[in-house]
Amino acid sequence: MFPRAFVFSHKDGLSEHVFQQILPHTVSQQRITEGHLNVTNFHHFSFTGPPMNVPPLIPTYQRTPVELPGIHCSPNRVTGSNRKRRRHNHSQNDLKKQCFSSPGPSNQPARNANFASQPVAGPVTGRDACNSYISVPAYLSPTSKPGGCVPSLREGSHQSTLNPSSVNDKLSQQILDLFHACEQQSDDLEKKENCRAVLQRDIQTIFPGARVFLGGSSLNGFGSRTSDADLCLVFEEGTGNHRTDAVYVLSLVRKLFYQLSYIERPQLIRAKVPILKFRDRVSGVEFDLNFNNTVGIRNTFLLRTYAYVEKRVRPIILVIKKWANHHCINDASRGTLSSYTLVLMILHYLQTLPEPVIPCLQRDYPECFSPKMDIHLVPGGPSNIPAFVSKNQSSLGDLLLGFLKYYATVFKWNKYVISVREAKTLPKNRCREWRDKFVCVEEPFDRTNTARAVHDKVKFDAIKAEFTESYQVLKLRKDLDCILPLKNTRPKI
C-alpha cells in the first residue's frame, strides 16, 4: 500500500482553515525554491487566474527513506475500530503526526517515474511469472526489458511486425496504415509523463506522501496522438467516503492549480466519479485528474497486457475507436459508449471466437490481476506473461468485419452481459446493476456496468443502427474509407 495519509471528509468537520493548520509552517526559502523548481521552467508564460483566496504553497516535509533492491517494506495498516477511533478522536498533534508520517517527494526521474520493477533471478514458468517481480523505486530499476510480451514503461509502445497473413488484402492494409499514422508516439507519452512528474511534486506541497499516476489510454496501449491523459491522485486505497473526499480534495488541488503558471482552465466536474479537468500549457495535453479511483489503475494494466499479448489487438482497437468517434457513438457524456466500454466489447469479441485471438487473462493468470493486490504492485503483475499463440489467423480486415457483424446480428443486447473477466456472455439477472439497462458491459474488477451512460433508447437504437449499417457497407465494399473517411481521420500534427 501507499504511505498512509489522512483522508479528509466534510463529515470530519475539517475546514480549509484547519487543513492549513496541520501542515508545516516554518520552512526556509531554500525549501520553497526546491519545492517549486519545476515552475521556474515556465516563467515565460503569463497567467492570471480568477481572484480567489487560495492557500499558500507550503514545501513538502523532507524525509529520505532507504529502500534497497530486493527488499520491500509494507507500511503499517490501521484497520477496524482503530481506524474509526483515529478519524473521530484526533487532536491537532495527532493530525500533525499523521501528516508528517507520509514521505515527501522522491527523487525519481521524470521519465516513466510512475512504476518500476526489479526481476528476481532464476527461471520463471507458468503462474510463477506473476510473482517474479518485486516493486522497487524507479531510480533503482534496471534498464533491461522484462521477459514477457508487455514492453516496459520506459519503452512505451513498440513497433511489432504482423504476420503477412494478417495484412493480405486492401482493407487490412488500410487498417494497419491508419494505426501507424495515429498511434501514440514515445514523445507523446513522455510529454504526459513529464507533466505528471511535475504535478506530483507540486501537489505534494499540500499533500505530503500523495502520488499521481498516469493511466487510461496513455498507458494501456490503445492511445492515439490526440488522446487526452488520465491521472489518478492516490492517498490510500479504499478509505473514507469516496465521492465526498474526492470533491473536497480536488477542490483544494484546483485552488493550487491557479498558482501554477503551466496549468490553465482547471474545472471541477462533480460527477459520480469527480474529476478535475485542466490543460497543460507546455505540451497542450488535456488532463483528467481523479482521486483514489484505483480501479482505473488496475484496468489500465489489464488492458495494457491485452494490447501486447497479440499483435493484431492494438490496430483493430485503435481503428474501431476512430470509427465509433466518427459516427458519434463514442461519448459517454452524450449518452453513448465510453472508449473503455468499446475496448471491452472488442476484447470480448476477440475472446469468444471459435478460435480465440486472445486469452482470458484473469482466468489464466489470476495472481497477476487479483483485485486484492496492493495497488503499487499492480504494474509489475503482468511483466512476465508470455505472448499468446493463437490458431486464429484471420486478417485485420476479417476481424473488423466480424466485430461489426457480431454486434449487428449475433449478440443479444437484451439478454446478455459482456464479461471480459470470464471471456463469455453472462445472463442478465434482476439485480439493479443490469435490470432495464440497454447495454451491459462488466467492469473486470469491480463488476459494475461500464455502459451505464447509455440510458436513452434513442441513443441505444442509434448505436445499433451504426453497427448494422457499417457492417452492410463494409461487407459489400471491403474499403475502410467507405465507413471512416481516412483523409479526415489522420492526425494533422
Protein backbone atom coordinates (compact mmCIF):
# COMPACT_ATOMS: atom_id res chain seq x y z
CA MET A 1 0.00 0.00 0.00
CA PHE A 2 0.98 3.61 -0.33
CA PRO A 3 2.17 5.56 2.71
CA ARG A 4 -0.76 6.30 4.96
CA ALA A 5 -2.18 9.80 4.87
CA PHE A 6 -5.24 11.33 6.40
CA VAL A 7 -8.40 11.23 4.29
CA PHE A 8 -10.39 14.45 4.54
CA SER A 9 -14.16 14.47 4.60
CA HIS A 10 -16.82 17.04 5.38
CA LYS A 11 -18.09 14.58 7.98
CA ASP A 12 -14.88 15.02 9.90
CA GLY A 13 -15.59 18.70 10.35
CA LEU A 14 -12.30 19.67 8.72
CA SER A 15 -12.44 23.11 7.20
CA GLU A 16 -9.85 24.55 4.87
CA HIS A 17 -8.57 26.65 7.77
CA VAL A 18 -7.99 23.57 9.93
CA PHE A 19 -6.41 21.78 6.99
CA GLN A 20 -3.83 24.54 6.62
CA GLN A 21 -3.05 24.38 10.34
CA ILE A 22 -1.87 20.77 10.20
CA LEU A 23 0.80 21.48 7.59
CA PRO A 24 4.36 22.59 8.40
CA HIS A 25 4.70 26.37 8.71
CA THR A 26 8.35 27.03 9.47
CA VAL A 27 10.39 26.43 6.35
CA SER A 28 13.41 28.00 4.72
CA GLN A 29 13.43 29.93 1.46
CA GLN A 30 15.70 27.23 0.07
CA ARG A 31 12.99 24.60 0.60
CA ILE A 32 10.44 26.83 -1.09
CA THR A 33 12.75 27.18 -4.06
CA GLU A 34 13.43 23.45 -4.21
CA GLY A 35 9.75 22.57 -3.83
CA HIS A 36 8.87 24.66 -6.86
CA LEU A 37 11.93 24.27 -9.04
CA ASN A 38 9.75 22.84 -11.77
CA VAL A 39 7.75 26.06 -12.04
CA THR A 40 10.81 28.12 -13.00
CA ASN A 41 10.88 26.41 -16.37
CA PHE A 42 7.58 28.06 -17.24
CA HIS A 43 8.08 31.66 -16.11
CA HIS A 44 7.91 32.92 -19.69
CA PHE A 45 4.18 32.12 -19.69
CA SER A 46 1.83 34.75 -18.31
CA PHE A 47 -1.21 33.50 -16.47
CA THR A 48 -3.78 35.25 -14.37
CA GLY A 49 -6.34 33.13 -12.58
CA PRO A 50 -9.60 34.39 -11.14
CA PRO A 51 -9.33 36.27 -7.88
CA MET A 52 -9.51 33.51 -5.29
CA ASN A 53 -8.46 33.13 -1.70
CA VAL A 54 -6.08 30.27 -2.41
CA PRO A 55 -4.00 28.57 0.27
CA PRO A 56 -0.27 29.36 0.28
CA LEU A 57 2.12 26.83 -1.20
CA ILE A 58 3.97 25.06 1.58
CA PRO A 59 7.06 22.93 0.88
CA THR A 60 6.87 19.22 1.48
CA TYR A 61 8.22 17.78 4.69
CA GLN A 62 11.52 16.17 3.71
CA ARG A 63 12.27 12.57 4.55
CA THR A 64 14.68 10.21 2.84
CA PRO A 65 13.65 6.60 3.41
CA VAL A 66 16.17 3.91 2.50
CA GLU A 67 14.92 1.12 0.27
CA LEU A 68 17.28 -1.37 -1.33
CA PRO A 69 16.72 -3.59 -4.37
CA GLY A 70 15.17 -6.89 -3.37
CA ILE A 71 13.84 -5.56 -0.06
CA HIS A 72 10.23 -4.42 0.19
CA CYS A 73 8.76 -2.87 3.29
CA SER A 74 4.99 -2.74 3.65
CA PRO A 75 3.61 0.24 5.57
CA ASN A 76 1.62 -0.46 8.69
CA ARG A 77 -2.14 -0.53 8.36
CA VAL A 78 -4.84 0.68 10.68
CA THR A 79 -7.98 -1.38 10.36
CA GLY A 80 -11.33 -1.94 12.03
CA SER A 81 -12.19 0.09 15.10
CA ASN A 82 -8.68 1.53 15.38
CA ARG A 83 -9.14 3.38 12.08
CA LYS A 84 -12.51 4.73 13.19
CA ARG A 85 -11.09 5.90 16.51
CA ARG A 86 -8.28 7.78 14.76
CA ARG A 87 -10.70 9.52 12.42
CA HIS A 88 -13.05 10.77 15.12
CA ASN A 89 -10.90 11.29 18.22
CA HIS A 90 -7.91 13.15 16.89
CA SER A 91 -6.14 16.09 18.38
CA GLN A 92 -4.18 18.67 16.46
CA ASN A 93 -0.95 16.88 17.39
CA ASP A 94 -2.35 13.58 16.11
CA LEU A 95 -3.17 15.18 12.79
CA LYS A 96 0.30 16.60 12.53
CA LYS A 97 1.76 13.19 13.20
CA GLN A 98 -0.36 11.59 10.51
CA CYS A 99 0.52 14.29 8.01
CA PHE A 100 4.25 14.11 8.72
CA SER A 101 4.35 10.31 8.65
CA SER A 102 3.95 10.33 4.88
CA PRO A 103 7.20 10.59 2.96
CA GLY A 104 7.91 13.60 0.83
CA PRO A 105 8.51 13.51 -2.90
CA SER A 106 11.11 11.04 -4.01
CA ASN A 107 13.99 11.97 -6.24
CA GLN A 108 12.77 9.81 -9.07
CA PRO A 109 13.45 10.67 -12.69
CA ALA A 110 10.59 12.32 -14.54
CA ARG A 111 10.51 9.82 -17.36
CA ASN A 112 8.20 6.91 -16.57
CA ALA A 113 8.54 7.60 -12.86
CA ASN A 114 5.13 6.00 -12.25
CA PHE A 115 6.27 2.45 -11.85
CA ALA A 116 9.30 0.19 -11.96
CA SER A 117 10.07 -3.44 -11.31
CA GLN A 118 13.11 -5.49 -10.38
CA PRO A 119 13.38 -9.04 -11.75
CA VAL A 120 14.11 -11.98 -9.49
CA ALA A 121 16.95 -14.21 -10.60
CA GLY A 122 16.23 -17.71 -11.85
CA PRO A 123 13.95 -19.32 -14.41
CA VAL A 124 10.28 -18.36 -14.46
CA THR A 125 7.47 -20.60 -15.67
CA GLY A 126 3.65 -20.71 -15.63
CA ARG A 127 1.87 -18.72 -12.96
CA ASP A 128 5.14 -18.02 -11.18
CA ALA A 129 5.54 -15.32 -13.84
CA CYS A 130 3.17 -13.16 -11.82
CA ASN A 131 5.31 -13.31 -8.70
CA SER A 132 8.74 -12.91 -10.27
CA TYR A 133 8.81 -9.12 -9.96
CA ILE A 134 9.04 -7.03 -6.84
CA SER A 135 8.48 -3.32 -6.54
CA VAL A 136 11.48 -1.00 -6.12
CA PRO A 137 11.95 2.72 -6.67
CA ALA A 138 12.21 3.74 -10.31
CA TYR A 139 15.72 5.13 -9.87
CA LEU A 140 16.90 1.65 -8.76
CA SER A 141 15.19 -0.30 -11.55
CA PRO A 142 17.22 -1.93 -14.29
CA THR A 143 17.09 -0.89 -17.90
CA SER A 144 16.69 -4.42 -19.21
CA LYS A 145 13.41 -5.43 -20.88
CA PRO A 146 11.04 -7.74 -18.95
CA GLY A 147 10.75 -11.30 -20.20
CA GLY A 148 7.05 -11.16 -21.10
CA CYS A 149 5.09 -9.74 -24.03
CA VAL A 150 4.39 -6.38 -22.40
CA PRO A 151 7.06 -3.69 -23.02
CA SER A 152 8.46 -1.89 -20.01
CA LEU A 153 7.05 1.52 -19.20
CA ARG A 154 10.35 3.10 -20.11
CA GLU A 155 9.85 1.86 -23.66
CA GLY A 156 6.25 2.96 -24.03
CA SER A 157 4.77 1.47 -27.19
CA HIS A 158 6.89 -0.52 -29.57
CA GLN A 159 6.58 -1.43 -33.22
CA SER A 160 5.91 -5.07 -33.96
CA THR A 161 5.77 -6.90 -37.27
CA LEU A 162 2.49 -8.59 -38.06
CA ASN A 163 2.23 -11.97 -39.70
CA PRO A 164 1.84 -11.46 -43.50
CA SER A 165 -1.49 -13.32 -43.35
CA SER A 166 -2.84 -10.55 -41.12
CA VAL A 167 -2.35 -7.93 -43.84
CA ASN A 168 -3.15 -9.78 -47.06
CA ASP A 169 -5.82 -7.50 -48.52
CA LYS A 170 -6.63 -3.84 -49.13
CA LEU A 171 -8.86 -3.43 -46.06
CA SER A 172 -6.26 -4.93 -43.73
CA GLN A 173 -3.54 -2.70 -45.13
CA GLN A 174 -5.75 0.36 -44.65
CA ILE A 175 -6.27 -0.58 -41.02
CA LEU A 176 -2.55 -1.04 -40.43
CA ASP A 177 -1.62 2.21 -42.20
CA LEU A 178 -4.15 4.20 -40.19
CA PHE A 179 -2.91 2.62 -36.98
CA HIS A 180 0.70 3.57 -37.70
CA ALA A 181 -0.36 7.13 -38.57
CA CYS A 182 -2.44 7.63 -35.41
CA GLU A 183 -0.82 5.57 -32.64
CA GLN A 184 0.66 7.41 -29.69
CA GLN A 185 4.39 8.02 -30.11
CA SER A 186 7.01 7.75 -27.40
CA ASP A 187 7.44 11.54 -27.32
CA ASP A 188 3.67 11.94 -26.80
CA LEU A 189 3.89 9.66 -23.76
CA GLU A 190 6.97 11.48 -22.49
CA LYS A 191 5.15 14.84 -22.57
CA LYS A 192 2.37 13.39 -20.42
CA GLU A 193 4.80 11.71 -18.06
CA ASN A 194 6.83 14.91 -17.62
CA CYS A 195 3.69 16.83 -16.68
CA ARG A 196 2.65 14.03 -14.29
CA ALA A 197 6.00 14.18 -12.51
CA VAL A 198 5.89 17.97 -12.15
CA LEU A 199 2.29 17.87 -10.92
CA GLN A 200 3.16 15.25 -8.32
CA ARG A 201 5.91 17.45 -6.90
CA ASP A 202 3.58 20.45 -6.70
CA ILE A 203 0.65 18.50 -5.22
CA GLN A 204 2.98 17.09 -2.57
CA THR A 205 3.46 20.64 -1.28
CA ILE A 206 -0.09 20.46 0.13
CA PHE A 207 -0.49 16.67 0.42
CA PRO A 208 2.84 15.12 1.52
CA GLY A 209 3.09 11.49 0.52
CA ALA A 210 0.46 11.75 -2.25
CA ARG A 211 1.19 10.02 -5.54
CA VAL A 212 -0.04 10.87 -9.03
CA PHE A 213 -0.37 8.02 -11.53
CA LEU A 214 -0.78 8.15 -15.27
CA GLY A 215 -3.39 5.72 -16.60
CA GLY A 216 -6.04 5.19 -19.23
CA SER A 217 -5.24 5.12 -22.94
CA SER A 218 -1.92 6.90 -22.37
CA LEU A 219 -0.52 3.70 -20.83
CA ASN A 220 -2.84 0.88 -21.86
CA GLY A 221 -1.53 0.74 -25.45
CA PHE A 222 -4.69 1.99 -27.15
CA GLY A 223 -3.96 5.72 -27.17
CA SER A 224 -3.61 7.90 -30.23
CA ARG A 225 -1.56 11.03 -30.80
CA THR A 226 -4.55 13.19 -29.87
CA SER A 227 -5.66 11.23 -26.78
CA ASP A 228 -6.30 13.06 -23.52
CA ALA A 229 -4.48 11.83 -20.42
CA ASP A 230 -6.00 10.34 -17.26
CA LEU A 231 -4.35 10.90 -13.88
CA CYS A 232 -5.14 9.35 -10.51
CA LEU A 233 -4.23 11.11 -7.25
CA VAL A 234 -3.75 8.44 -4.56
CA PHE A 235 -3.55 8.83 -0.78
CA GLU A 236 -4.64 5.42 0.39
CA GLU A 237 -6.82 2.86 -1.30
CA GLY A 238 -10.30 2.05 -0.06
CA THR A 239 -10.76 4.59 2.75
CA GLY A 240 -13.45 7.11 3.53
CA ASN A 241 -16.46 8.30 1.55
CA HIS A 242 -15.01 8.27 -1.95
CA ARG A 243 -17.17 10.92 -3.58
CA THR A 244 -17.24 13.34 -0.62
CA ASP A 245 -13.49 13.06 -0.11
CA ALA A 246 -12.84 13.39 -3.84
CA VAL A 247 -14.78 16.65 -4.19
CA TYR A 248 -13.07 18.14 -1.14
CA VAL A 249 -9.54 17.11 -2.09
CA LEU A 250 -9.91 18.05 -5.76
CA SER A 251 -11.27 21.45 -4.71
CA LEU A 252 -8.05 22.11 -2.80
CA VAL A 253 -5.96 20.89 -5.73
CA ARG A 254 -7.91 23.20 -8.04
CA LYS A 255 -7.01 26.19 -5.86
CA LEU A 256 -3.38 25.13 -6.03
CA PHE A 257 -3.57 24.91 -9.82
CA TYR A 258 -4.48 28.60 -10.06
CA GLN A 259 -1.00 29.37 -8.74
CA LEU A 260 0.80 27.20 -11.31
CA SER A 261 1.75 29.02 -14.47
CA TYR A 262 1.76 25.87 -16.63
CA ILE A 263 -1.86 24.92 -15.81
CA GLU A 264 -4.87 26.52 -17.45
CA ARG A 265 -8.64 26.10 -17.29
CA PRO A 266 -8.91 23.90 -14.15
CA GLN A 267 -12.54 22.78 -13.90
CA LEU A 268 -14.03 20.51 -11.23
CA ILE A 269 -16.68 18.11 -12.58
CA ARG A 270 -18.87 16.86 -9.71
CA ALA A 271 -19.90 13.59 -11.40
CA LYS A 272 -20.35 10.13 -9.87
CA VAL A 273 -16.57 9.90 -10.16
CA PRO A 274 -15.50 13.54 -9.65
CA ILE A 275 -12.67 14.73 -11.88
CA LEU A 276 -10.58 17.87 -12.21
CA LYS A 277 -10.10 18.78 -15.86
CA PHE A 278 -7.25 21.05 -16.94
CA ARG A 279 -4.80 21.73 -19.74
CA ASP A 280 -1.01 21.72 -19.62
CA ARG A 281 0.17 24.91 -21.34
CA VAL A 282 3.57 23.43 -22.20
CA SER A 283 2.51 20.24 -24.00
CA GLY A 284 -1.04 21.27 -24.90
CA VAL A 285 -2.36 17.99 -23.45
CA GLU A 286 -5.79 17.89 -21.79
CA PHE A 287 -5.81 16.03 -18.45
CA ASP A 288 -8.50 14.47 -16.24
CA LEU A 289 -7.43 14.04 -12.60
CA ASN A 290 -9.45 11.78 -10.28
CA PHE A 291 -8.94 10.93 -6.63
CA ASN A 292 -8.35 7.39 -5.30
CA ASN A 293 -10.14 5.78 -8.26
CA THR A 294 -7.61 2.96 -8.13
CA VAL A 295 -9.72 0.54 -10.17
CA GLY A 296 -8.63 2.70 -13.12
CA ILE A 297 -5.00 1.81 -12.42
CA ARG A 298 -5.87 -1.88 -12.25
CA ASN A 299 -7.75 -1.91 -15.55
CA THR A 300 -5.02 0.16 -17.23
CA PHE A 301 -2.53 -2.67 -16.74
CA LEU A 302 -5.03 -5.40 -17.58
CA LEU A 303 -5.77 -3.66 -20.88
CA ARG A 304 -2.06 -3.00 -21.45
CA THR A 305 -1.43 -6.74 -21.27
CA TYR A 306 -4.24 -7.47 -23.72
CA ALA A 307 -2.79 -4.80 -26.03
CA TYR A 308 0.54 -6.61 -26.34
CA VAL A 309 -0.39 -10.27 -25.83
CA GLU A 310 -1.35 -10.48 -29.56
CA LYS A 311 -0.10 -8.18 -32.32
CA ARG A 312 -3.46 -7.64 -34.02
CA VAL A 313 -5.18 -6.23 -30.95
CA ARG A 314 -3.83 -2.67 -30.99
CA PRO A 315 -4.51 -1.89 -34.69
CA ILE A 316 -8.05 -3.26 -34.51
CA ILE A 317 -8.94 -1.35 -31.34
CA LEU A 318 -7.49 1.98 -32.43
CA VAL A 319 -9.32 1.88 -35.78
CA ILE A 320 -12.64 0.86 -34.19
CA LYS A 321 -12.33 3.72 -31.71
CA LYS A 322 -11.77 6.09 -34.63
CA TRP A 323 -14.80 4.61 -36.41
CA ALA A 324 -17.04 4.97 -33.34
CA ASN A 325 -15.89 8.55 -32.80
CA HIS A 326 -16.60 9.45 -36.44
CA HIS A 327 -20.14 8.08 -36.14
CA CYS A 328 -20.76 9.89 -32.80
CA ILE A 329 -21.29 6.76 -30.68
CA ASN A 330 -18.14 7.15 -28.58
CA ASP A 331 -19.02 9.78 -25.97
CA ALA A 332 -20.37 8.74 -22.57
CA SER A 333 -21.15 12.38 -21.70
CA ARG A 334 -23.69 12.32 -24.55
CA GLY A 335 -25.25 9.01 -23.63
CA THR A 336 -23.26 6.72 -25.92
CA LEU A 337 -20.32 4.33 -25.42
CA SER A 338 -17.22 5.32 -23.50
CA SER A 339 -13.87 4.35 -25.01
CA TYR A 340 -13.32 1.93 -22.13
CA THR A 341 -16.64 0.20 -22.81
CA LEU A 342 -15.84 -0.01 -26.51
CA VAL A 343 -12.44 -1.60 -25.80
CA LEU A 344 -14.05 -4.22 -23.55
CA MET A 345 -16.59 -5.00 -26.28
CA ILE A 346 -13.77 -5.58 -28.78
CA LEU A 347 -11.77 -7.76 -26.37
CA HIS A 348 -14.89 -9.81 -25.64
CA TYR A 349 -15.41 -10.43 -29.36
CA LEU A 350 -11.77 -11.49 -29.83
CA GLN A 351 -12.01 -13.83 -26.80
CA THR A 352 -15.21 -15.58 -27.88
CA LEU A 353 -14.43 -16.51 -31.49
CA PRO A 354 -14.44 -20.29 -32.21
CA GLU A 355 -10.65 -19.96 -32.30
CA PRO A 356 -9.91 -17.11 -29.85
CA VAL A 357 -7.49 -14.38 -30.90
CA ILE A 358 -6.67 -13.54 -27.27
CA PRO A 359 -6.85 -15.48 -23.97
CA CYS A 360 -8.79 -14.76 -20.81
CA LEU A 361 -6.02 -13.21 -18.72
CA GLN A 362 -7.88 -13.03 -15.41
CA ARG A 363 -8.78 -16.70 -15.65
CA ASP A 364 -5.37 -17.92 -16.86
CA TYR A 365 -3.24 -15.68 -14.60
CA PRO A 366 -5.42 -14.88 -11.56
CA GLU A 367 -2.46 -13.95 -9.34
CA CYS A 368 -1.33 -11.31 -11.84
CA PHE A 369 -4.65 -9.47 -11.84
CA SER A 370 -6.04 -10.07 -8.37
CA PRO A 371 -8.35 -7.20 -7.31
CA LYS A 372 -6.84 -7.54 -3.82
CA MET A 373 -3.25 -6.93 -4.97
CA ASP A 374 -1.65 -3.87 -3.37
CA ILE A 375 -2.00 -1.04 -5.86
CA HIS A 376 1.73 -0.30 -6.06
CA LEU A 377 2.38 -3.92 -7.18
CA VAL A 378 -0.21 -3.81 -9.99
CA PRO A 379 2.15 -2.55 -12.76
CA GLY A 380 4.61 -5.40 -12.16
CA GLY A 381 1.95 -8.09 -12.08
CA PRO A 382 1.83 -8.96 -15.80
CA SER A 383 5.52 -8.32 -16.54
CA ASN A 384 6.36 -11.93 -17.47
CA ILE A 385 3.13 -13.07 -19.13
CA PRO A 386 4.11 -14.62 -22.48
CA ALA A 387 2.64 -13.72 -25.85
CA PHE A 388 -0.46 -15.69 -26.82
CA VAL A 389 -0.08 -18.04 -29.81
CA SER A 390 -3.47 -18.08 -31.49
CA LYS A 391 -4.64 -20.65 -34.00
CA ASN A 392 -6.87 -17.96 -35.48
CA GLN A 393 -5.05 -16.47 -38.47
CA SER A 394 -7.79 -14.03 -39.54
CA SER A 395 -6.64 -10.83 -41.20
CA LEU A 396 -7.22 -7.40 -39.69
CA GLY A 397 -9.94 -6.78 -42.26
CA ASP A 398 -11.75 -10.01 -41.42
CA LEU A 399 -11.63 -9.23 -37.71
CA LEU A 400 -13.06 -5.74 -38.22
CA LEU A 401 -15.86 -7.09 -40.39
CA GLY A 402 -16.54 -9.87 -37.87
CA PHE A 403 -16.69 -7.39 -34.99
CA LEU A 404 -19.34 -5.28 -36.75
CA LYS A 405 -21.32 -8.40 -37.69
CA TYR A 406 -21.22 -9.75 -34.12
CA TYR A 407 -22.83 -6.67 -32.58
CA ALA A 408 -25.12 -6.04 -35.56
CA THR A 409 -26.64 -9.53 -35.93
CA VAL A 410 -25.35 -12.04 -33.33
CA PHE A 411 -25.13 -10.51 -29.85
CA LYS A 412 -28.44 -10.32 -27.94
CA TRP A 413 -28.30 -6.94 -26.23
CA ASN A 414 -31.46 -7.56 -24.19
CA LYS A 415 -30.36 -10.90 -22.75
CA TYR A 416 -26.66 -10.86 -22.01
CA VAL A 417 -23.88 -9.12 -20.10
CA ILE A 418 -20.45 -8.85 -21.75
CA SER A 419 -17.72 -10.23 -19.47
CA VAL A 420 -14.04 -9.99 -20.38
CA ARG A 421 -13.25 -11.33 -16.92
CA GLU A 422 -14.79 -14.71 -17.83
CA ALA A 423 -14.42 -14.48 -21.64
CA LYS A 424 -18.11 -15.15 -22.22
CA THR A 425 -21.57 -13.64 -22.01
CA LEU A 426 -23.44 -13.81 -18.72
CA PRO A 427 -27.23 -13.89 -18.49
CA LYS A 428 -28.83 -10.73 -17.20
CA ASN A 429 -30.27 -11.13 -13.73
CA ARG A 430 -32.71 -8.96 -11.87
CA CYS A 431 -30.12 -7.05 -9.84
CA ARG A 432 -30.12 -3.28 -10.11
CA GLU A 433 -26.80 -3.16 -11.99
CA TRP A 434 -28.24 -4.89 -15.08
CA ARG A 435 -32.00 -4.52 -14.83
CA ASP A 436 -33.53 -2.38 -17.62
CA LYS A 437 -30.11 -1.39 -18.98
CA PHE A 438 -29.72 -1.18 -22.75
CA VAL A 439 -26.02 -2.08 -22.81
CA CYS A 440 -24.40 -4.26 -20.14
CA VAL A 441 -20.59 -4.47 -20.04
CA GLU A 442 -18.97 -5.78 -16.86
CA GLU A 443 -16.04 -3.88 -15.38
CA PRO A 444 -13.40 -6.63 -14.91
CA PHE A 445 -12.52 -5.67 -11.32
CA ASP A 446 -15.45 -4.08 -9.51
CA ARG A 447 -18.07 -5.75 -11.78
CA THR A 448 -20.15 -2.63 -12.27
CA ASN A 449 -21.71 -1.69 -15.62
CA THR A 450 -19.28 0.43 -17.63
CA ALA A 451 -22.05 1.23 -20.15
CA ARG A 452 -24.50 2.79 -17.71
CA ALA A 453 -24.25 6.09 -19.64
CA VAL A 454 -26.39 4.55 -22.39
CA HIS A 455 -29.71 5.16 -20.65
CA ASP A 456 -31.79 6.55 -23.53
CA LYS A 457 -33.46 4.21 -26.04
CA VAL A 458 -32.99 6.67 -28.90
CA LYS A 459 -29.22 6.69 -28.32
CA PHE A 460 -29.16 2.91 -27.96
CA ASP A 461 -31.04 2.45 -31.24
CA ALA A 462 -28.58 4.83 -32.92
CA ILE A 463 -25.65 2.73 -31.67
CA LYS A 464 -27.17 -0.49 -33.03
CA ALA A 465 -28.00 1.23 -36.33
CA GLU A 466 -24.37 2.31 -36.83
CA PHE A 467 -23.16 -1.27 -36.30
CA THR A 468 -25.71 -2.62 -38.77
CA GLU A 469 -25.17 -0.01 -41.47
CA SER A 470 -21.37 -0.10 -41.27
CA TYR A 471 -21.38 -3.90 -41.41
CA GLN A 472 -23.55 -3.95 -44.52
CA VAL A 473 -21.49 -1.30 -46.31
CA LEU A 474 -18.11 -2.78 -45.38
CA LYS A 475 -19.20 -6.30 -46.33
CA LEU A 476 -20.09 -5.03 -49.81
CA ARG A 477 -17.23 -2.59 -50.45
CA LYS A 478 -14.29 -4.02 -48.38
CA ASP A 479 -12.92 -0.48 -48.20
CA LEU A 480 -12.29 1.23 -44.84
CA ASP A 481 -12.74 4.64 -46.45
CA CYS A 482 -16.44 3.93 -47.01
CA ILE A 483 -17.18 3.83 -43.27
CA LEU A 484 -14.31 6.00 -41.97
CA PRO A 485 -13.02 8.87 -44.19
CA LEU A 486 -9.28 8.28 -44.00
CA LYS A 487 -8.27 11.71 -45.22
CA ASN A 488 -10.02 13.41 -42.31
CA THR A 489 -9.02 10.77 -39.73
CA ARG A 490 -5.25 11.01 -39.99
CA PRO A 491 -3.79 13.39 -37.39
CA LYS A 492 -2.76 16.84 -38.52
CA ILE A 493 0.44 17.05 -36.47
